[in-house]
Amino acid sequence: MATLNSNASSSSSSSLSPTLEASRFLHTPHYCEENVYMLCKNLSEDGIAKSDSSDLFVVFISNEKKQASSFRFISIWGFLADGVILWDYHVICVQNFKYGKGLFRDFRVFRIVHAPIFLRNFASDRRHMKDSDGNWNSPPPSYDVIVAQDGTVHNLNEYMEMSSADVVKTIGADTVETVLAQKLGVLVSETQLEELFSLIS
């Protein structure tokens, strides 16, 4: 995740469950895709999610312009930011889908990927976080790079590429089947999110 613009202040949520304290989970600023990858693993290992991660979904958020802004973005840690935050893309983990209209401002495309599939197939050697001279734009995580089960070393770009032209036309049982079976899941619009997750749950 590259933070392009931030005009926000954060405040802690007092209702955050002790079992979900942010300090329990690995987090590296500007590496949202890896943070979500590790979060899915940790939630499953800790018994907060199913052991096979089957109740978790990974959601990539972007559009053709590579602009994913949010007007009151609620993070997975329970913090609330007021103001406009603009990324080229963002990634979140969804367990129990709760949707509030206006949470996402402007049109976006959402790539919905089933977490077990994401954990097997996602790979990142972090090349996108280096400048043309090979210097880090932001310090990388301390753990090794993520390699897919088939040996792929980098495919983040496949998840990030999104176009409104590729958004599914209608949401139905076949859409859910695709989410639960395909490496790259499905692309949906903001207006289709609630309908899709209502069918999944």
N, C-alpha and C. Protein backbone atom coordinates (compact mmCIF):
# COMPACT_ATOMS: atom_id res chain seq x y z
N MET A 1 0.85 -1.18 0.00
CA MET A 1 0.00 0.00 0.00
C MET A 1 0.88 1.22 0.00
N ALA A 2 0.70 2.10 -0.93
CA ALA A 2 1.41 3.37 -0.94
C ALA A 2 0.45 4.45 -0.48
N THR A 3 0.77 5.12 0.60
CA THR A 3 -0.09 6.18 1.09
C THR A 3 0.22 7.45 0.32
N LEU A 4 -0.72 7.90 -0.50
CA LEU A 4 -0.49 9.07 -1.32
C LEU A 4 -0.88 10.35 -0.62
N ASN A 5 -1.91 10.29 0.19
CA ASN A 5 -2.38 11.48 0.89
C ASN A 5 -3.07 11.06 2.16
N SER A 6 -2.77 11.72 3.25
CA SER A 6 -3.43 11.39 4.50
C SER A 6 -3.72 12.66 5.25
N ASN A 7 -4.98 12.83 5.63
CA ASN A 7 -5.39 13.98 6.42
C ASN A 7 -6.32 13.43 7.48
N ALA A 8 -5.74 12.71 8.42
CA ALA A 8 -6.58 11.95 9.34
C ALA A 8 -5.99 11.94 10.74
N SER A 9 -6.88 11.79 11.70
CA SER A 9 -6.46 11.57 13.08
C SER A 9 -7.14 10.31 13.57
N SER A 10 -6.46 9.53 14.41
CA SER A 10 -7.01 8.26 14.86
C SER A 10 -7.30 8.30 16.35
N SER A 11 -8.34 7.58 16.74
CA SER A 11 -8.64 7.44 18.16
C SER A 11 -8.98 5.99 18.43
N SER A 12 -8.59 5.50 19.59
CA SER A 12 -8.80 4.10 19.93
C SER A 12 -10.25 3.83 20.25
N SER A 13 -10.69 2.63 19.91
CA SER A 13 -12.05 2.21 20.23
C SER A 13 -12.02 1.44 21.54
N SER A 14 -12.76 1.92 22.53
CA SER A 14 -12.75 1.28 23.84
C SER A 14 -13.47 -0.06 23.83
N SER A 15 -14.25 -0.33 22.79
CA SER A 15 -15.00 -1.59 22.73
C SER A 15 -14.20 -2.71 22.08
N LEU A 16 -12.96 -2.43 21.70
CA LEU A 16 -12.14 -3.45 21.05
C LEU A 16 -11.89 -4.60 22.01
N SER A 17 -12.20 -5.81 21.57
CA SER A 17 -12.05 -6.99 22.42
C SER A 17 -10.58 -7.20 22.78
N PRO A 18 -10.29 -7.61 24.02
CA PRO A 18 -8.91 -7.87 24.43
C PRO A 18 -8.25 -8.92 23.55
N THR A 19 -9.03 -9.87 23.02
CA THR A 19 -8.45 -10.92 22.19
C THR A 19 -8.03 -10.38 20.83
N LEU A 20 -8.45 -9.17 20.50
CA LEU A 20 -8.10 -8.58 19.22
C LEU A 20 -7.22 -7.35 19.37
N GLU A 21 -6.44 -7.29 20.43
CA GLU A 21 -5.52 -6.17 20.60
C GLU A 21 -4.54 -6.15 19.43
N ALA A 22 -4.36 -4.98 18.85
CA ALA A 22 -3.50 -4.85 17.67
C ALA A 22 -2.08 -5.36 17.91
N SER A 23 -1.59 -5.21 19.13
CA SER A 23 -0.22 -5.61 19.44
C SER A 23 0.01 -7.12 19.30
N ARG A 24 -1.09 -7.89 19.25
CA ARG A 24 -0.96 -9.34 19.10
C ARG A 24 -0.65 -9.75 17.67
N PHE A 25 -0.82 -8.84 16.73
CA PHE A 25 -0.68 -9.19 15.32
C PHE A 25 0.47 -8.44 14.66
N LEU A 26 1.12 -9.11 13.72
CA LEU A 26 2.20 -8.47 12.97
C LEU A 26 1.63 -7.36 12.10
N HIS A 27 2.30 -6.24 12.07
CA HIS A 27 1.85 -5.12 11.25
C HIS A 27 3.05 -4.30 10.80
N THR A 28 3.16 -4.11 9.49
CA THR A 28 4.22 -3.28 8.93
C THR A 28 3.56 -2.18 8.12
N PRO A 29 3.79 -0.90 8.47
CA PRO A 29 3.17 0.20 7.72
C PRO A 29 3.46 0.11 6.23
N HIS A 30 2.43 0.36 5.43
CA HIS A 30 2.50 0.41 3.96
C HIS A 30 2.61 -0.96 3.29
N TYR A 31 2.42 -2.03 4.04
CA TYR A 31 2.44 -3.38 3.46
C TYR A 31 1.10 -4.07 3.77
N CYS A 32 0.00 -3.43 3.34
CA CYS A 32 -1.33 -3.92 3.71
C CYS A 32 -1.60 -5.34 3.23
N GLU A 33 -1.12 -5.70 2.04
CA GLU A 33 -1.38 -7.05 1.53
C GLU A 33 -0.71 -8.10 2.41
N GLU A 34 0.50 -7.82 2.89
CA GLU A 34 1.18 -8.76 3.76
C GLU A 34 0.58 -8.75 5.17
N ASN A 35 0.17 -7.57 5.62
CA ASN A 35 -0.49 -7.50 6.93
C ASN A 35 -1.74 -8.36 6.95
N VAL A 36 -2.52 -8.31 5.87
CA VAL A 36 -3.75 -9.11 5.79
C VAL A 36 -3.42 -10.59 5.67
N TYR A 37 -2.40 -10.92 4.90
CA TYR A 37 -1.96 -12.31 4.78
C TYR A 37 -1.63 -12.88 6.16
N MET A 38 -0.82 -12.14 6.92
CA MET A 38 -0.41 -12.59 8.25
C MET A 38 -1.60 -12.59 9.22
N LEU A 39 -2.49 -11.62 9.07
CA LEU A 39 -3.67 -11.55 9.93
C LEU A 39 -4.55 -12.78 9.75
N CYS A 40 -4.79 -13.17 8.50
CA CYS A 40 -5.59 -14.36 8.23
C CYS A 40 -4.98 -15.60 8.90
N LYS A 41 -3.67 -15.73 8.77
CA LYS A 41 -3.00 -16.87 9.40
C LYS A 41 -3.14 -16.81 10.92
N ASN A 42 -2.89 -15.63 11.50
CA ASN A 42 -2.93 -15.49 12.95
C ASN A 42 -4.33 -15.71 13.52
N LEU A 43 -5.35 -15.17 12.85
CA LEU A 43 -6.72 -15.34 13.32
C LEU A 43 -7.11 -16.82 13.35
N SER A 44 -6.65 -17.56 12.35
CA SER A 44 -6.95 -18.99 12.28
C SER A 44 -6.16 -19.76 13.34
N GLU A 45 -4.89 -19.44 13.49
CA GLU A 45 -4.05 -20.13 14.47
C GLU A 45 -4.53 -19.87 15.90
N ASP A 46 -5.05 -18.68 16.15
CA ASP A 46 -5.49 -18.31 17.50
C ASP A 46 -6.92 -18.72 17.81
N GLY A 47 -7.60 -19.33 16.84
CA GLY A 47 -8.97 -19.79 17.08
C GLY A 47 -10.02 -18.71 16.99
N ILE A 48 -9.64 -17.51 16.53
CA ILE A 48 -10.61 -16.42 16.36
C ILE A 48 -11.39 -16.64 15.06
N ALA A 49 -10.73 -17.23 14.09
CA ALA A 49 -11.37 -17.65 12.84
C ALA A 49 -11.28 -19.17 12.76
N LYS A 50 -11.94 -19.77 11.79
CA LYS A 50 -11.86 -21.22 11.61
C LYS A 50 -10.42 -21.61 11.30
N SER A 51 -10.05 -22.81 11.69
CA SER A 51 -8.66 -23.24 11.55
C SER A 51 -8.18 -23.27 10.10
N ASP A 52 -9.13 -23.44 9.16
CA ASP A 52 -8.76 -23.46 7.74
C ASP A 52 -8.98 -22.10 7.07
N SER A 53 -9.29 -21.08 7.86
CA SER A 53 -9.53 -19.70 7.37
C SER A 53 -10.75 -19.59 6.46
N SER A 54 -11.61 -20.60 6.46
CA SER A 54 -12.72 -20.60 5.49
C SER A 54 -13.79 -19.55 5.77
N ASP A 55 -13.77 -18.93 6.95
CA ASP A 55 -14.73 -17.87 7.24
C ASP A 55 -14.13 -16.48 7.01
N LEU A 56 -12.95 -16.43 6.40
CA LEU A 56 -12.27 -15.16 6.13
C LEU A 56 -12.21 -14.88 4.64
N PHE A 57 -12.26 -13.60 4.29
CA PHE A 57 -12.15 -13.18 2.90
C PHE A 57 -11.19 -12.00 2.82
N VAL A 58 -10.43 -11.98 1.75
CA VAL A 58 -9.48 -10.90 1.49
C VAL A 58 -10.09 -10.01 0.43
N VAL A 59 -10.10 -8.71 0.69
CA VAL A 59 -10.72 -7.76 -0.23
C VAL A 59 -9.68 -6.72 -0.67
N PHE A 60 -9.39 -6.73 -1.97
CA PHE A 60 -8.53 -5.70 -2.57
C PHE A 60 -9.43 -4.58 -3.06
N ILE A 61 -9.06 -3.33 -2.78
CA ILE A 61 -9.87 -2.17 -3.13
C ILE A 61 -9.06 -1.23 -4.00
N SER A 62 -9.56 -0.93 -5.19
CA SER A 62 -8.89 0.02 -6.07
C SER A 62 -9.83 0.37 -7.22
N ASN A 63 -9.28 0.92 -8.28
CA ASN A 63 -10.02 1.20 -9.51
C ASN A 63 -9.03 1.44 -10.64
N GLU A 64 -9.54 1.81 -11.80
CA GLU A 64 -8.67 2.01 -12.96
C GLU A 64 -7.64 3.10 -12.74
N LYS A 65 -8.01 4.11 -11.97
CA LYS A 65 -7.10 5.23 -11.71
C LYS A 65 -6.09 4.94 -10.61
N LYS A 66 -6.18 3.74 -10.02
CA LYS A 66 -5.33 3.38 -8.88
C LYS A 66 -5.52 4.38 -7.75
N GLN A 67 -6.77 4.67 -7.44
CA GLN A 67 -7.10 5.58 -6.34
C GLN A 67 -8.19 4.94 -5.49
N ALA A 68 -7.84 4.65 -4.26
CA ALA A 68 -8.81 4.05 -3.33
C ALA A 68 -8.93 4.96 -2.13
N SER A 69 -9.84 5.91 -2.23
CA SER A 69 -10.02 6.84 -1.12
C SER A 69 -11.10 6.32 -0.19
N SER A 70 -11.08 6.79 1.03
CA SER A 70 -12.10 6.42 1.99
C SER A 70 -12.40 7.60 2.87
N PHE A 71 -13.68 7.87 3.10
CA PHE A 71 -14.07 9.02 3.92
C PHE A 71 -14.24 8.63 5.37
N ARG A 72 -14.30 7.87 6.02
CA ARG A 72 -14.34 7.46 7.40
C ARG A 72 -13.95 6.00 7.39
N PHE A 73 -12.68 5.77 7.23
CA PHE A 73 -12.20 4.41 7.08
C PHE A 73 -12.07 3.74 8.44
N ILE A 74 -12.76 2.62 8.63
CA ILE A 74 -12.66 1.87 9.87
C ILE A 74 -11.68 0.72 9.64
N SER A 75 -10.59 0.74 10.35
CA SER A 75 -9.57 -0.29 10.13
C SER A 75 -9.93 -1.56 10.88
N ILE A 76 -9.23 -2.64 10.55
CA ILE A 76 -9.45 -3.92 11.22
C ILE A 76 -9.01 -3.88 12.66
N TRP A 77 -8.26 -2.85 13.05
CA TRP A 77 -7.80 -2.76 14.43
C TRP A 77 -8.80 -2.04 15.31
N GLY A 78 -9.84 -1.46 14.76
CA GLY A 78 -10.81 -0.77 15.57
C GLY A 78 -10.52 0.70 15.74
N PHE A 79 -9.70 1.26 14.87
CA PHE A 79 -9.42 2.69 14.92
C PHE A 79 -10.25 3.39 13.85
N LEU A 80 -10.60 4.61 14.10
CA LEU A 80 -11.42 5.36 13.16
C LEU A 80 -10.66 6.59 12.72
N ALA A 81 -10.57 6.79 11.44
CA ALA A 81 -9.87 7.96 10.91
C ALA A 81 -10.89 8.88 10.26
N ASP A 82 -10.90 10.15 10.66
CA ASP A 82 -11.78 11.13 10.04
C ASP A 82 -10.97 11.93 9.04
N GLY A 83 -11.49 12.09 7.84
CA GLY A 83 -10.77 12.79 6.80
C GLY A 83 -10.71 11.92 5.57
N VAL A 84 -9.99 12.35 4.58
CA VAL A 84 -9.87 11.58 3.34
C VAL A 84 -8.50 10.94 3.29
N ILE A 85 -8.49 9.63 3.07
CA ILE A 85 -7.25 8.89 2.92
C ILE A 85 -7.23 8.36 1.50
N LEU A 86 -6.12 8.54 0.80
CA LEU A 86 -6.04 8.12 -0.61
C LEU A 86 -4.87 7.17 -0.81
N TRP A 87 -5.17 5.95 -1.29
CA TRP A 87 -4.15 4.96 -1.60
C TRP A 87 -4.25 4.60 -3.07
N ASP A 88 -3.19 3.95 -3.60
CA ASP A 88 -3.31 3.40 -4.95
C ASP A 88 -4.14 2.11 -4.89
N TYR A 89 -4.07 1.41 -3.77
CA TYR A 89 -4.93 0.26 -3.51
C TYR A 89 -4.90 0.02 -2.01
N HIS A 90 -5.82 -0.75 -1.54
CA HIS A 90 -5.79 -1.14 -0.14
C HIS A 90 -6.32 -2.57 -0.04
N VAL A 91 -6.00 -3.24 1.05
CA VAL A 91 -6.42 -4.62 1.26
C VAL A 91 -6.93 -4.75 2.68
N ILE A 92 -8.08 -5.40 2.84
CA ILE A 92 -8.63 -5.64 4.17
C ILE A 92 -9.02 -7.11 4.31
N CYS A 93 -9.17 -7.53 5.55
CA CYS A 93 -9.65 -8.88 5.86
C CYS A 93 -11.07 -8.75 6.37
N VAL A 94 -11.96 -9.60 5.87
CA VAL A 94 -13.36 -9.58 6.29
C VAL A 94 -13.71 -10.93 6.90
N GLN A 95 -14.31 -10.88 8.10
CA GLN A 95 -14.83 -12.11 8.71
C GLN A 95 -16.34 -12.04 8.79
N ASN A 96 -16.85 -11.18 9.61
CA ASN A 96 -18.29 -10.98 9.68
C ASN A 96 -18.60 -9.68 8.97
N PHE A 97 -19.16 -9.78 7.79
CA PHE A 97 -19.34 -8.60 6.96
C PHE A 97 -20.38 -7.65 7.54
N LYS A 98 -19.93 -6.41 7.79
CA LYS A 98 -20.85 -5.35 8.20
C LYS A 98 -20.59 -4.19 7.28
N TYR A 99 -21.62 -3.73 6.64
CA TYR A 99 -21.45 -2.72 5.60
C TYR A 99 -22.22 -1.46 5.95
N GLY A 100 -21.55 -0.34 5.89
CA GLY A 100 -22.21 0.94 6.10
C GLY A 100 -22.10 1.78 4.86
N LYS A 101 -23.23 2.24 4.34
CA LYS A 101 -23.20 3.07 3.15
C LYS A 101 -22.42 4.33 3.44
N GLY A 102 -21.57 4.72 2.53
CA GLY A 102 -20.76 5.90 2.72
C GLY A 102 -19.40 5.58 3.32
N LEU A 103 -19.20 4.32 3.74
CA LEU A 103 -17.88 3.96 4.25
C LEU A 103 -16.85 4.13 3.16
N PHE A 104 -17.20 3.73 1.94
CA PHE A 104 -16.32 3.91 0.80
C PHE A 104 -16.87 5.02 -0.07
N ARG A 105 -16.06 6.03 -0.28
CA ARG A 105 -16.50 7.19 -1.03
C ARG A 105 -16.00 7.09 -2.46
N ASP A 106 -16.80 7.51 -3.40
CA ASP A 106 -16.47 7.43 -4.82
C ASP A 106 -16.57 5.98 -5.28
N PHE A 107 -16.50 5.78 -6.58
CA PHE A 107 -16.63 4.43 -7.12
C PHE A 107 -15.33 3.66 -6.96
N ARG A 108 -15.47 2.42 -6.59
CA ARG A 108 -14.34 1.53 -6.44
C ARG A 108 -14.64 0.17 -7.02
N VAL A 109 -13.60 -0.59 -7.25
CA VAL A 109 -13.75 -1.99 -7.62
C VAL A 109 -13.18 -2.81 -6.46
N PHE A 110 -13.87 -3.89 -6.12
CA PHE A 110 -13.45 -4.73 -5.01
C PHE A 110 -13.16 -6.13 -5.53
N ARG A 111 -11.97 -6.63 -5.25
CA ARG A 111 -11.65 -8.02 -5.59
C ARG A 111 -11.82 -8.85 -4.33
N ILE A 112 -12.76 -9.78 -4.36
CA ILE A 112 -13.06 -10.62 -3.20
C ILE A 112 -12.41 -11.98 -3.41
N VAL A 113 -11.51 -12.35 -2.50
CA VAL A 113 -10.77 -13.61 -2.60
C VAL A 113 -10.96 -14.39 -1.30
N HIS A 114 -11.26 -15.68 -1.42
CA HIS A 114 -11.42 -16.52 -0.23
C HIS A 114 -10.04 -16.70 0.42
N ALA A 115 -9.96 -16.48 1.72
CA ALA A 115 -8.68 -16.49 2.41
C ALA A 115 -7.87 -17.78 2.25
N PRO A 116 -8.49 -18.97 2.31
CA PRO A 116 -7.67 -20.18 2.13
C PRO A 116 -6.96 -20.21 0.78
N ILE A 117 -7.63 -19.72 -0.25
CA ILE A 117 -7.03 -19.67 -1.59
C ILE A 117 -5.92 -18.62 -1.63
N PHE A 118 -6.18 -17.47 -1.02
CA PHE A 118 -5.19 -16.41 -0.96
C PHE A 118 -3.93 -16.88 -0.23
N LEU A 119 -4.09 -17.57 0.88
CA LEU A 119 -2.93 -18.04 1.65
C LEU A 119 -2.10 -19.05 0.87
N ARG A 120 -2.70 -19.80 -0.03
CA ARG A 120 -1.95 -20.76 -0.84
C ARG A 120 -1.27 -20.12 -2.04
N ASN A 121 -1.90 -19.09 -2.60
CA ASN A 121 -1.46 -18.58 -3.90
C ASN A 121 -0.76 -17.23 -3.91
N PHE A 122 -0.97 -16.41 -2.89
CA PHE A 122 -0.38 -15.06 -2.90
C PHE A 122 1.13 -15.13 -2.73
N ALA A 123 1.83 -14.24 -3.45
CA ALA A 123 3.29 -14.15 -3.34
C ALA A 123 3.73 -12.71 -3.54
N SER A 124 4.70 -12.30 -2.75
CA SER A 124 5.25 -10.95 -2.91
C SER A 124 6.72 -10.93 -2.52
N ASP A 125 7.57 -10.52 -3.47
CA ASP A 125 8.98 -10.32 -3.13
C ASP A 125 9.26 -8.85 -2.82
N ARG A 126 8.17 -8.06 -2.73
CA ARG A 126 8.21 -6.65 -2.31
C ARG A 126 8.87 -5.72 -3.32
N ARG A 127 8.98 -6.12 -4.56
CA ARG A 127 9.61 -5.28 -5.58
C ARG A 127 8.88 -3.95 -5.76
N HIS A 128 7.56 -3.95 -5.51
CA HIS A 128 6.77 -2.74 -5.69
C HIS A 128 7.09 -1.67 -4.65
N MET A 129 7.82 -2.04 -3.62
CA MET A 129 8.16 -1.10 -2.56
C MET A 129 9.58 -0.56 -2.68
N LYS A 130 10.21 -0.76 -3.84
CA LYS A 130 11.55 -0.24 -4.07
C LYS A 130 11.52 0.82 -5.16
N ASP A 131 12.41 1.81 -5.05
CA ASP A 131 12.50 2.83 -6.09
C ASP A 131 13.39 2.33 -7.22
N SER A 132 13.62 3.15 -8.22
CA SER A 132 14.39 2.73 -9.39
C SER A 132 15.84 2.39 -9.07
N ASP A 133 16.33 2.85 -7.92
CA ASP A 133 17.70 2.54 -7.52
C ASP A 133 17.77 1.33 -6.59
N GLY A 134 16.62 0.72 -6.31
CA GLY A 134 16.60 -0.45 -5.45
C GLY A 134 16.50 -0.15 -3.97
N ASN A 135 16.23 1.11 -3.63
CA ASN A 135 16.08 1.50 -2.22
C ASN A 135 14.63 1.32 -1.78
N TRP A 136 14.43 0.98 -0.52
CA TRP A 136 13.09 0.79 0.01
C TRP A 136 12.35 2.11 0.14
N ASN A 137 11.12 2.15 -0.33
CA ASN A 137 10.25 3.31 -0.12
C ASN A 137 9.75 3.34 1.32
N SER A 138 9.65 2.16 1.91
CA SER A 138 9.23 2.01 3.30
C SER A 138 9.89 0.74 3.81
N PRO A 139 10.40 0.74 5.05
CA PRO A 139 11.09 -0.45 5.57
C PRO A 139 10.21 -1.69 5.47
N PRO A 140 10.76 -2.82 5.00
CA PRO A 140 9.97 -4.04 4.82
C PRO A 140 9.74 -4.78 6.13
N PRO A 141 8.81 -5.73 6.12
CA PRO A 141 8.61 -6.58 7.31
C PRO A 141 9.89 -7.35 7.63
N SER A 142 10.00 -7.78 8.88
CA SER A 142 11.21 -8.48 9.32
C SER A 142 11.22 -9.95 8.91
N TYR A 143 10.05 -10.50 8.60
CA TYR A 143 9.99 -11.91 8.20
C TYR A 143 10.31 -12.06 6.72
N ASP A 144 10.54 -13.32 6.30
CA ASP A 144 10.88 -13.59 4.90
C ASP A 144 9.76 -13.20 3.96
N VAL A 145 10.11 -13.00 2.70
CA VAL A 145 9.10 -12.68 1.69
C VAL A 145 8.12 -13.85 1.59
N ILE A 146 6.92 -13.55 1.09
CA ILE A 146 5.88 -14.58 0.97
C ILE A 146 5.97 -15.25 -0.40
N VAL A 147 6.12 -16.55 -0.40
CA VAL A 147 6.20 -17.34 -1.63
C VAL A 147 4.98 -18.25 -1.69
N ALA A 148 4.34 -18.32 -2.86
CA ALA A 148 3.15 -19.18 -3.03
C ALA A 148 3.53 -20.65 -2.95
N GLN A 149 2.54 -21.49 -2.70
CA GLN A 149 2.80 -22.93 -2.59
C GLN A 149 3.41 -23.52 -3.85
N ASP A 150 3.08 -22.93 -5.01
CA ASP A 150 3.62 -23.46 -6.26
C ASP A 150 4.99 -22.88 -6.60
N GLY A 151 5.55 -22.07 -5.71
CA GLY A 151 6.88 -21.51 -5.93
C GLY A 151 6.90 -20.11 -6.53
N THR A 152 5.73 -19.59 -6.90
CA THR A 152 5.66 -18.23 -7.44
C THR A 152 6.20 -17.25 -6.40
N VAL A 153 7.04 -16.29 -6.87
CA VAL A 153 7.66 -15.36 -5.92
C VAL A 153 6.99 -13.98 -5.90
N HIS A 154 6.23 -13.64 -6.94
CA HIS A 154 5.55 -12.34 -6.93
C HIS A 154 4.36 -12.35 -7.88
N ASN A 155 3.18 -12.10 -7.34
CA ASN A 155 1.99 -11.99 -8.18
C ASN A 155 1.03 -10.92 -7.67
N LEU A 156 1.51 -10.01 -6.82
CA LEU A 156 0.68 -8.96 -6.27
C LEU A 156 -0.03 -8.17 -7.36
N ASN A 157 0.69 -7.93 -8.47
CA ASN A 157 0.11 -7.15 -9.56
C ASN A 157 -1.17 -7.79 -10.12
N GLU A 158 -1.26 -9.12 -10.07
CA GLU A 158 -2.46 -9.80 -10.56
C GLU A 158 -3.67 -9.45 -9.69
N TYR A 159 -3.46 -9.34 -8.40
CA TYR A 159 -4.54 -8.99 -7.49
C TYR A 159 -4.91 -7.52 -7.58
N MET A 160 -3.93 -6.68 -7.87
CA MET A 160 -4.15 -5.23 -7.90
C MET A 160 -4.83 -4.74 -9.17
N GLU A 161 -4.68 -5.46 -10.27
CA GLU A 161 -5.26 -5.02 -11.54
C GLU A 161 -6.77 -5.15 -11.50
N MET A 162 -7.46 -4.01 -11.57
CA MET A 162 -8.92 -4.02 -11.49
C MET A 162 -9.50 -3.02 -12.47
N SER A 163 -10.59 -3.41 -13.10
CA SER A 163 -11.28 -2.54 -14.03
C SER A 163 -12.78 -2.71 -13.84
N SER A 164 -13.50 -1.61 -13.91
CA SER A 164 -14.96 -1.69 -13.77
C SER A 164 -15.57 -2.52 -14.90
N ALA A 165 -14.87 -2.62 -16.02
CA ALA A 165 -15.36 -3.41 -17.14
C ALA A 165 -15.40 -4.90 -16.79
N ASP A 166 -14.61 -5.32 -15.81
CA ASP A 166 -14.53 -6.73 -15.43
C ASP A 166 -15.39 -7.08 -14.22
N VAL A 167 -16.12 -6.10 -13.70
CA VAL A 167 -17.02 -6.36 -12.57
C VAL A 167 -18.14 -7.29 -13.03
N VAL A 168 -18.51 -8.26 -12.18
CA VAL A 168 -19.58 -9.19 -12.54
C VAL A 168 -20.87 -8.41 -12.78
N LYS A 169 -21.66 -8.89 -13.72
CA LYS A 169 -22.90 -8.18 -14.07
C LYS A 169 -23.98 -8.40 -13.03
N THR A 170 -24.09 -9.63 -12.55
CA THR A 170 -25.09 -9.94 -11.53
C THR A 170 -24.45 -10.82 -10.46
N ILE A 171 -25.03 -10.78 -9.27
CA ILE A 171 -24.55 -11.60 -8.15
C ILE A 171 -25.50 -12.78 -7.99
N GLY A 172 -24.93 -13.97 -7.97
CA GLY A 172 -25.75 -15.17 -7.78
C GLY A 172 -24.91 -16.29 -7.22
N ALA A 173 -25.46 -17.48 -7.22
CA ALA A 173 -24.76 -18.65 -6.67
C ALA A 173 -23.45 -18.90 -7.41
N ASP A 174 -23.44 -18.63 -8.72
CA ASP A 174 -22.21 -18.84 -9.50
C ASP A 174 -21.11 -17.88 -9.07
N THR A 175 -21.49 -16.69 -8.62
CA THR A 175 -20.51 -15.72 -8.14
C THR A 175 -19.86 -16.23 -6.87
N VAL A 176 -20.66 -16.76 -5.97
CA VAL A 176 -20.13 -17.33 -4.73
C VAL A 176 -19.21 -18.50 -5.03
N GLU A 177 -19.60 -19.36 -5.96
CA GLU A 177 -18.76 -20.50 -6.36
C GLU A 177 -17.41 -20.02 -6.87
N THR A 178 -17.42 -18.95 -7.65
CA THR A 178 -16.18 -18.40 -8.18
C THR A 178 -15.29 -17.88 -7.06
N VAL A 179 -15.87 -17.15 -6.10
CA VAL A 179 -15.11 -16.64 -4.97
C VAL A 179 -14.45 -17.78 -4.20
N LEU A 180 -15.19 -18.87 -4.02
CA LEU A 180 -14.70 -19.98 -3.22
C LEU A 180 -13.75 -20.91 -3.98
N ALA A 181 -13.56 -20.67 -5.29
CA ALA A 181 -12.76 -21.59 -6.08
C ALA A 181 -11.60 -20.96 -6.85
N GLN A 182 -11.73 -19.70 -7.21
CA GLN A 182 -10.75 -19.09 -8.11
C GLN A 182 -9.65 -18.32 -7.38
N LYS A 183 -8.45 -18.45 -7.87
CA LYS A 183 -7.27 -17.80 -7.28
C LYS A 183 -7.47 -16.30 -7.10
N LEU A 184 -8.04 -15.64 -8.09
CA LEU A 184 -8.22 -14.19 -8.04
C LEU A 184 -9.64 -13.78 -7.66
N GLY A 185 -10.45 -14.73 -7.26
CA GLY A 185 -11.80 -14.41 -6.80
C GLY A 185 -12.64 -13.74 -7.85
N VAL A 186 -13.43 -12.75 -7.44
CA VAL A 186 -14.28 -12.00 -8.37
C VAL A 186 -14.15 -10.51 -8.12
N LEU A 187 -14.49 -9.75 -9.14
CA LEU A 187 -14.53 -8.29 -9.03
C LEU A 187 -15.98 -7.85 -8.91
N VAL A 188 -16.27 -7.04 -7.88
CA VAL A 188 -17.61 -6.52 -7.69
C VAL A 188 -17.54 -5.02 -7.46
N SER A 189 -18.69 -4.37 -7.61
CA SER A 189 -18.77 -2.94 -7.33
C SER A 189 -19.20 -2.74 -5.89
N GLU A 190 -19.14 -1.51 -5.42
CA GLU A 190 -19.55 -1.21 -4.05
C GLU A 190 -21.00 -1.60 -3.80
N THR A 191 -21.85 -1.38 -4.78
CA THR A 191 -23.27 -1.67 -4.60
C THR A 191 -23.56 -3.17 -4.55
N GLN A 192 -22.60 -3.99 -4.99
CA GLN A 192 -22.80 -5.44 -4.99
C GLN A 192 -22.24 -6.13 -3.75
N LEU A 193 -21.47 -5.39 -2.94
CA LEU A 193 -20.80 -6.00 -1.79
C LEU A 193 -21.77 -6.70 -0.84
N GLU A 194 -22.76 -5.97 -0.40
CA GLU A 194 -23.70 -6.51 0.58
C GLU A 194 -24.43 -7.73 0.04
N GLU A 195 -24.83 -7.67 -1.21
CA GLU A 195 -25.55 -8.80 -1.82
C GLU A 195 -24.66 -10.04 -1.87
N LEU A 196 -23.40 -9.85 -2.27
CA LEU A 196 -22.49 -11.00 -2.35
C LEU A 196 -22.27 -11.63 -0.98
N PHE A 197 -21.97 -10.81 0.03
CA PHE A 197 -21.69 -11.38 1.35
C PHE A 197 -22.94 -11.94 2.01
N SER A 198 -24.11 -11.44 1.64
CA SER A 198 -25.34 -12.03 2.19
C SER A 198 -25.54 -13.45 1.66
N LEU A 199 -25.10 -13.71 0.42
CA LEU A 199 -25.20 -15.05 -0.15
C LEU A 199 -24.15 -15.98 0.45
N ILE A 200 -22.98 -15.43 0.74
CA ILE A 200 -21.90 -16.23 1.31
C ILE A 200 -22.25 -16.66 2.73
N SER A 201 -22.82 -15.74 3.50
CA SER A 201 -23.13 -16.07 4.89
C SER A 201 -24.42 -16.85 5.00
